[in-house]
Structures are given as C-alpha cells and as structure tokens.
C-alpha cells in the first residue's frame, strides 16, 4: 500500500543518498546512516509516519 505521491519518493531518495554520502565524504559522521530511513521509504513508496498521522499524498 503506497501513501507517497510522485514528488515524495524523489525527494526522499535524494535526501537519503545525500545523508549516506556524509558517512564516506565530508564530516564522515555516523549520523549519515539515518539516510537509510528516507532512502528505503522513498524506494518502497510507504511511510509509516504518514500512516500514523493520517497523511496520504498518493493520488491513487
């Protein structure tokens, strides 16, 4: 079941990749691994937080 529209996954994947890149370049902080959350939710198209608060940006 999807609850993300067309723009959400693109932004989430971009943000996830940028945060994960911080692990390897830049400040090299382990906080970059938090980028896995938006990356995975963007690839799957489902956000558990959206479900909890009742948000659905998918128009289908």
PDB file of N, CA and C in Angstrom:
ATOM      1  N   UNK A   1       0.838  -1.172   0.000  1.00  0.00           N
ATOM      2  CA  UNK A   1       0.000   0.000   0.000  1.00  0.00           C
ATOM      3  C   UNK A   1       0.887   1.240   0.000  1.00  0.00           C
ATOM      4  N   UNK A   2       0.717   2.076  -1.010  1.00  0.00           N
ATOM      5  CA  UNK A   2       1.516   3.286  -1.132  1.00  0.00           C
ATOM      6  C   UNK A   2       0.799   4.449  -0.455  1.00  0.00           C
ATOM      7  N   UNK A   3       1.554   5.336   0.152  1.00  0.00           N
ATOM      8  CA  UNK A   3       0.966   6.553   0.697  1.00  0.00           C
ATOM      9  C   UNK A   3       1.832   7.779   0.386  1.00  0.00           C
ATOM     10  N   UNK A   4       2.680   7.650  -0.626  1.00  0.00           N
ATOM     11  CA  UNK A   4       3.515   8.761  -1.071  1.00  0.00           C
ATOM     12  C   UNK A   4       3.190   9.085  -2.522  1.00  0.00           C
ATOM     13  N   UNK A   5       3.126  10.371  -2.826  1.00  0.00           N
ATOM     14  CA  UNK A   5       2.838  10.808  -4.187  1.00  0.00           C
ATOM     15  C   UNK A   5       4.046  10.677  -5.092  1.00  0.00           C
ATOM     16  N   UNK A   6       4.072  11.477  -6.155  1.00  0.00           N
ATOM     17  CA  UNK A   6       5.157  11.386  -7.137  1.00  0.00           C
ATOM     18  C   UNK A   6       6.414  12.125  -6.705  1.00  0.00           C
ATOM     19  N   UNK A   7       6.261  13.223  -5.995  1.00  0.00           N
ATOM     20  CA  UNK A   7       7.407  14.044  -5.600  1.00  0.00           C
ATOM     21  C   UNK A   7       8.092  13.482  -4.358  1.00  0.00           C
ATOM     22  N   UNK A   8       7.323  12.947  -3.413  1.00  0.00           N
ATOM     23  CA  UNK A   8       7.884  12.446  -2.149  1.00  0.00           C
ATOM     24  C   UNK A   8       9.013  11.436  -2.350  1.00  0.00           C
ATOM     25  N   UNK A   9       8.827  10.388  -3.149  1.00  0.00           N
ATOM     26  CA  UNK A   9       9.918   9.410  -3.294  1.00  0.00           C
ATOM     27  C   UNK A   9      11.191  10.010  -3.887  1.00  0.00           C
ATOM     28  N   UNK A  10      11.046  10.929  -4.821  1.00  0.00           N
ATOM     29  CA  UNK A  10      12.218  11.554  -5.443  1.00  0.00           C
ATOM     30  C   UNK A  10      13.005  12.346  -4.399  1.00  0.00           C
ATOM     31  N   UNK A  11      12.290  13.133  -3.594  1.00  0.00           N
ATOM     32  CA  UNK A  11      12.951  13.919  -2.553  1.00  0.00           C
ATOM     33  C   UNK A  11      13.559  13.031  -1.480  1.00  0.00           C
ATOM     34  N   UNK A  12      12.849  11.974  -1.099  1.00  0.00           N
ATOM     35  CA  UNK A  12      13.348  11.076  -0.058  1.00  0.00           C
ATOM     36  C   UNK A  12      14.601  10.325  -0.506  1.00  0.00           C
ATOM     37  N   UNK A  13      14.605   9.833  -1.729  1.00  0.00           N
ATOM     38  CA  UNK A  13      15.775   9.116  -2.228  1.00  0.00           C
ATOM     39  C   UNK A  13      16.961  10.071  -2.322  1.00  0.00           C
ATOM     40  N   UNK A  14      16.736  11.275  -2.814  1.00  0.00           N
ATOM     41  CA  UNK A  14      17.812  12.263  -2.901  1.00  0.00           C
ATOM     42  C   UNK A  14      18.370  12.621  -1.532  1.00  0.00           C
ATOM     43  N   UNK A  15      17.491  12.834  -0.564  1.00  0.00           N
ATOM     44  CA  UNK A  15      17.929  13.148   0.791  1.00  0.00           C
ATOM     45  C   UNK A  15      18.663  11.964   1.411  1.00  0.00           C
ATOM     46  N   UNK A  16      18.153  10.767   1.196  1.00  0.00           N
ATOM     47  CA  UNK A  16      18.795   9.573   1.748  1.00  0.00           C
ATOM     48  C   UNK A  16      20.193   9.375   1.207  1.00  0.00           C
ATOM     49  N   UNK A  17      20.357   9.531  -0.091  1.00  0.00           N
ATOM     50  CA  UNK A  17      21.678   9.373  -0.709  1.00  0.00           C
ATOM     51  C   UNK A  17      22.632  10.453  -0.204  1.00  0.00           C
ATOM     52  N   UNK A  18      22.136  11.679  -0.063  1.00  0.00           N
ATOM     53  CA  UNK A  18      22.985  12.770   0.430  1.00  0.00           C
ATOM     54  C   UNK A  18      23.432  12.501   1.865  1.00  0.00           C
ATOM     55  N   UNK A  19      22.532  12.022   2.703  1.00  0.00           N
ATOM     56  CA  UNK A  19      22.910  11.745   4.095  1.00  0.00           C
ATOM     57  C   UNK A  19      23.879  10.570   4.192  1.00  0.00           C
ATOM     58  N   UNK A  20      23.661   9.546   3.406  1.00  0.00           N
ATOM     59  CA  UNK A  20      24.562   8.395   3.431  1.00  0.00           C
ATOM     60  C   UNK A  20      25.947   8.801   2.913  1.00  0.00           C
ATOM     61  N   UNK A  21      25.984   9.735   1.979  1.00  0.00           N
ATOM     62  CA  UNK A  21      27.270  10.204   1.463  1.00  0.00           C
ATOM     63  C   UNK A  21      28.099  10.870   2.565  1.00  0.00           C
ATOM     64  N   UNK A  22      27.431  11.414   3.589  1.00  0.00           N
ATOM     65  CA  UNK A  22      28.159  12.036   4.693  1.00  0.00           C
ATOM     66  C   UNK A  22      28.990  11.027   5.477  1.00  0.00           C
ATOM     67  N   UNK A  23      28.644   9.761   5.376  1.00  0.00           N
ATOM     68  CA  UNK A  23      29.419   8.735   6.071  1.00  0.00           C
ATOM     69  C   UNK A  23      30.780   8.564   5.410  1.00  0.00           C
ATOM     70  N   UNK A  24      30.830   8.757   4.102  1.00  0.00           N
ATOM     71  CA  UNK A  24      32.052   8.483   3.348  1.00  0.00           C
ATOM     72  C   UNK A  24      32.852   9.732   2.994  1.00  0.00           C
ATOM     73  N   UNK A  25      32.164  10.849   2.780  1.00  0.00           N
ATOM     74  CA  UNK A  25      32.838  12.104   2.455  1.00  0.00           C
ATOM     75  C   UNK A  25      32.313  13.196   3.379  1.00  0.00           C
ATOM     76  N   UNK A  26      32.946  14.324   3.368  1.00  0.00           N
ATOM     77  CA  UNK A  26      32.504  15.417   4.237  1.00  0.00           C
ATOM     78  C   UNK A  26      32.944  15.177   5.673  1.00  0.00           C
ATOM     79  N   UNK A  27      32.037  15.403   6.628  1.00  0.00           N
ATOM     80  CA  UNK A  27      32.437  15.265   8.029  1.00  0.00           C
ATOM     81  C   UNK A  27      32.621  13.813   8.482  1.00  0.00           C
ATOM     82  N   UNK A  28      32.235  12.848   7.666  1.00  0.00           N
ATOM     83  CA  UNK A  28      32.372  11.416   7.957  1.00  0.00           C
ATOM     84  C   UNK A  28      31.794  11.064   9.329  1.00  0.00           C
ATOM     85  N   UNK A  29      30.559  11.444   9.516  1.00  0.00           N
ATOM     86  CA  UNK A  29      29.867  11.194  10.768  1.00  0.00           C
ATOM     87  C   UNK A  29      28.929  10.000  10.631  1.00  0.00           C
ATOM     88  N   UNK A  30      28.788   9.193  11.674  1.00  0.00           N
ATOM     89  CA  UNK A  30      27.878   8.052  11.593  1.00  0.00           C
ATOM     90  C   UNK A  30      26.404   8.467  11.535  1.00  0.00           C
ATOM     91  N   UNK A  31      26.093   9.713  11.799  1.00  0.00           N
ATOM     92  CA  UNK A  31      24.718  10.181  11.696  1.00  0.00           C
ATOM     93  C   UNK A  31      24.198  10.065  10.262  1.00  0.00           C
ATOM     94  N   UNK A  32      25.078   9.971   9.313  1.00  0.00           N
ATOM     95  CA  UNK A  32      24.674   9.823   7.922  1.00  0.00           C
ATOM     96  C   UNK A  32      23.889   8.557   7.658  1.00  0.00           C
ATOM     97  N   UNK A  33      24.065   7.541   8.499  1.00  0.00           N
ATOM     98  CA  UNK A  33      23.316   6.292   8.314  1.00  0.00           C
ATOM     99  C   UNK A  33      21.823   6.484   8.526  1.00  0.00           C
ATOM    100  N   UNK A  34      21.419   7.588   9.129  1.00  0.00           N
ATOM    101  CA  UNK A  34      19.989   7.891   9.233  1.00  0.00           C
ATOM    102  C   UNK A  34      19.367   8.096   7.849  1.00  0.00           C
ATOM    103  N   UNK A  35      20.204   8.303   6.858  1.00  0.00           N
ATOM    104  CA  UNK A  35      19.732   8.449   5.490  1.00  0.00           C
ATOM    105  C   UNK A  35      19.094   7.185   4.946  1.00  0.00           C
ATOM    106  N   UNK A  36      19.313   6.056   5.611  1.00  0.00           N
ATOM    107  CA  UNK A  36      18.669   4.817   5.173  1.00  0.00           C
ATOM    108  C   UNK A  36      17.151   4.889   5.307  1.00  0.00           C
ATOM    109  N   UNK A  37      16.663   5.627   6.294  1.00  0.00           N
ATOM    110  CA  UNK A  37      15.222   5.725   6.511  1.00  0.00           C
ATOM    111  C   UNK A  37      14.526   6.401   5.330  1.00  0.00           C
ATOM    112  N   UNK A  38      14.917   7.632   4.945  1.00  0.00           N
ATOM    113  CA  UNK A  38      14.239   8.224   3.787  1.00  0.00           C
ATOM    114  C   UNK A  38      14.525   7.476   2.483  1.00  0.00           C
ATOM    115  N   UNK A  39      15.708   6.880   2.381  1.00  0.00           N
ATOM    116  CA  UNK A  39      16.025   6.125   1.174  1.00  0.00           C
ATOM    117  C   UNK A  39      15.080   4.936   1.021  1.00  0.00           C
ATOM    118  N   UNK A  40      14.918   4.164   2.065  1.00  0.00           N
ATOM    119  CA  UNK A  40      14.046   2.992   1.995  1.00  0.00           C
ATOM    120  C   UNK A  40      12.577   3.373   1.826  1.00  0.00           C
ATOM    121  N   UNK A  41      12.115   4.388   2.552  1.00  0.00           N
ATOM    122  CA  UNK A  41      10.710   4.784   2.407  1.00  0.00           C
ATOM    123  C   UNK A  41      10.458   5.350   1.010  1.00  0.00           C
ATOM    124  N   UNK A  42      11.447   6.014   0.439  1.00  0.00           N
ATOM    125  CA  UNK A  42      11.291   6.528  -0.920  1.00  0.00           C
ATOM    126  C   UNK A  42      11.266   5.423  -1.959  1.00  0.00           C
ATOM    127  N   UNK A  43      12.067   4.388  -1.760  1.00  0.00           N
ATOM    128  CA  UNK A  43      12.094   3.275  -2.716  1.00  0.00           C
ATOM    129  C   UNK A  43      10.835   2.417  -2.620  1.00  0.00           C
ATOM    130  N   UNK A  44      10.326   2.256  -1.413  1.00  0.00           N
ATOM    131  CA  UNK A  44       9.139   1.414  -1.208  1.00  0.00           C
ATOM    132  C   UNK A  44       7.853   2.180  -1.528  1.00  0.00           C
ATOM    133  N   UNK A  45       7.851   3.485  -1.258  1.00  0.00           N
ATOM    134  CA  UNK A  45       6.650   4.284  -1.503  1.00  0.00           C
ATOM    135  C   UNK A  45       5.689   4.303  -0.334  1.00  0.00           C
ATOM    136  N   UNK A  46       6.136   3.857   0.823  1.00  0.00           N
ATOM    137  CA  UNK A  46       5.291   3.818   2.012  1.00  0.00           C
ATOM    138  C   UNK A  46       6.042   4.423   3.183  1.00  0.00           C
ATOM    139  N   UNK A  47       5.393   5.356   3.880  1.00  0.00           N
ATOM    140  CA  UNK A  47       5.986   5.991   5.049  1.00  0.00           C
ATOM    141  C   UNK A  47       5.133   5.670   6.280  1.00  0.00           C
ATOM    142  N   UNK A  48       5.687   4.943   7.253  1.00  0.00           N
ATOM    143  CA  UNK A  48       4.918   4.617   8.453  1.00  0.00           C
ATOM    144  C   UNK A  48       4.465   5.862   9.227  1.00  0.00           C
ATOM    145  N   UNK A  49       5.267   6.914   9.233  1.00  0.00           N
ATOM    146  CA  UNK A  49       4.883   8.135   9.934  1.00  0.00           C
ATOM    147  C   UNK A  49       3.655   8.772   9.281  1.00  0.00           C
ATOM    148  N   UNK A  50       3.595   8.760   7.960  1.00  0.00           N
ATOM    149  CA  UNK A  50       2.411   9.259   7.264  1.00  0.00           C
ATOM    150  C   UNK A  50       1.173   8.483   7.723  1.00  0.00           C
ATOM    151  N   UNK A  51       1.313   7.192   7.868  1.00  0.00           N
ATOM    152  CA  UNK A  51       0.185   6.351   8.281  1.00  0.00           C
ATOM    153  C   UNK A  51      -0.286   6.718   9.688  1.00  0.00           C
ATOM    154  N   UNK A  52       0.674   6.966  10.585  1.00  0.00           N
ATOM    155  CA  UNK A  52       0.330   7.302  11.967  1.00  0.00           C
ATOM    156  C   UNK A  52      -0.436   8.609  12.069  1.00  0.00           C
ATOM    157  N   UNK A  53      -0.045   9.608  11.279  1.00  0.00           N
ATOM    158  CA  UNK A  53      -0.692  10.906  11.361  1.00  0.00           C
ATOM    159  C   UNK A  53      -1.824  11.070  10.353  1.00  0.00           C
ATOM    160  N   UNK A  54      -2.065  10.054   9.531  1.00  0.00           N
ATOM    161  CA  UNK A  54      -3.195  10.084   8.598  1.00  0.00           C
ATOM    162  C   UNK A  54      -2.951  10.883   7.326  1.00  0.00           C
ATOM    163  N   UNK A  55      -1.712  10.986   6.896  1.00  0.00           N
ATOM    164  CA  UNK A  55      -1.371  11.722   5.678  1.00  0.00           C
ATOM    165  C   UNK A  55      -1.249  10.727   4.531  1.00  0.00           C
ATOM    166  N   UNK A  56      -1.790  11.106   3.376  1.00  0.00           N
ATOM    167  CA  UNK A  56      -1.669  10.279   2.182  1.00  0.00           C
ATOM    168  C   UNK A  56      -1.487  11.230   1.001  1.00  0.00           C
ATOM    169  N   UNK A  57      -0.292  11.344   0.472  1.00  0.00           N
ATOM    170  CA  UNK A  57      -0.033  12.231  -0.649  1.00  0.00           C
ATOM    171  C   UNK A  57      -0.148  11.525  -1.995  1.00  0.00           C
ATOM    172  N   UNK A  58      -0.460  10.233  -1.964  1.00  0.00           N
ATOM    173  CA  UNK A  58      -0.650   9.467  -3.194  1.00  0.00           C
ATOM    174  C   UNK A  58      -2.063   9.707  -3.701  1.00  0.00           C
ATOM    175  N   UNK A  59      -2.189  10.095  -4.949  1.00  0.00           N
ATOM    176  CA  UNK A  59      -3.490  10.431  -5.513  1.00  0.00           C
ATOM    177  C   UNK A  59      -4.273   9.226  -6.021  1.00  0.00           C
ATOM    178  N   UNK A  60      -3.684   8.040  -5.976  1.00  0.00           N
ATOM    179  CA  UNK A  60      -4.385   6.854  -6.487  1.00  0.00           C
ATOM    180  C   UNK A  60      -5.503   6.428  -5.584  1.00  0.00           C
TER     181      UNK A  60
END
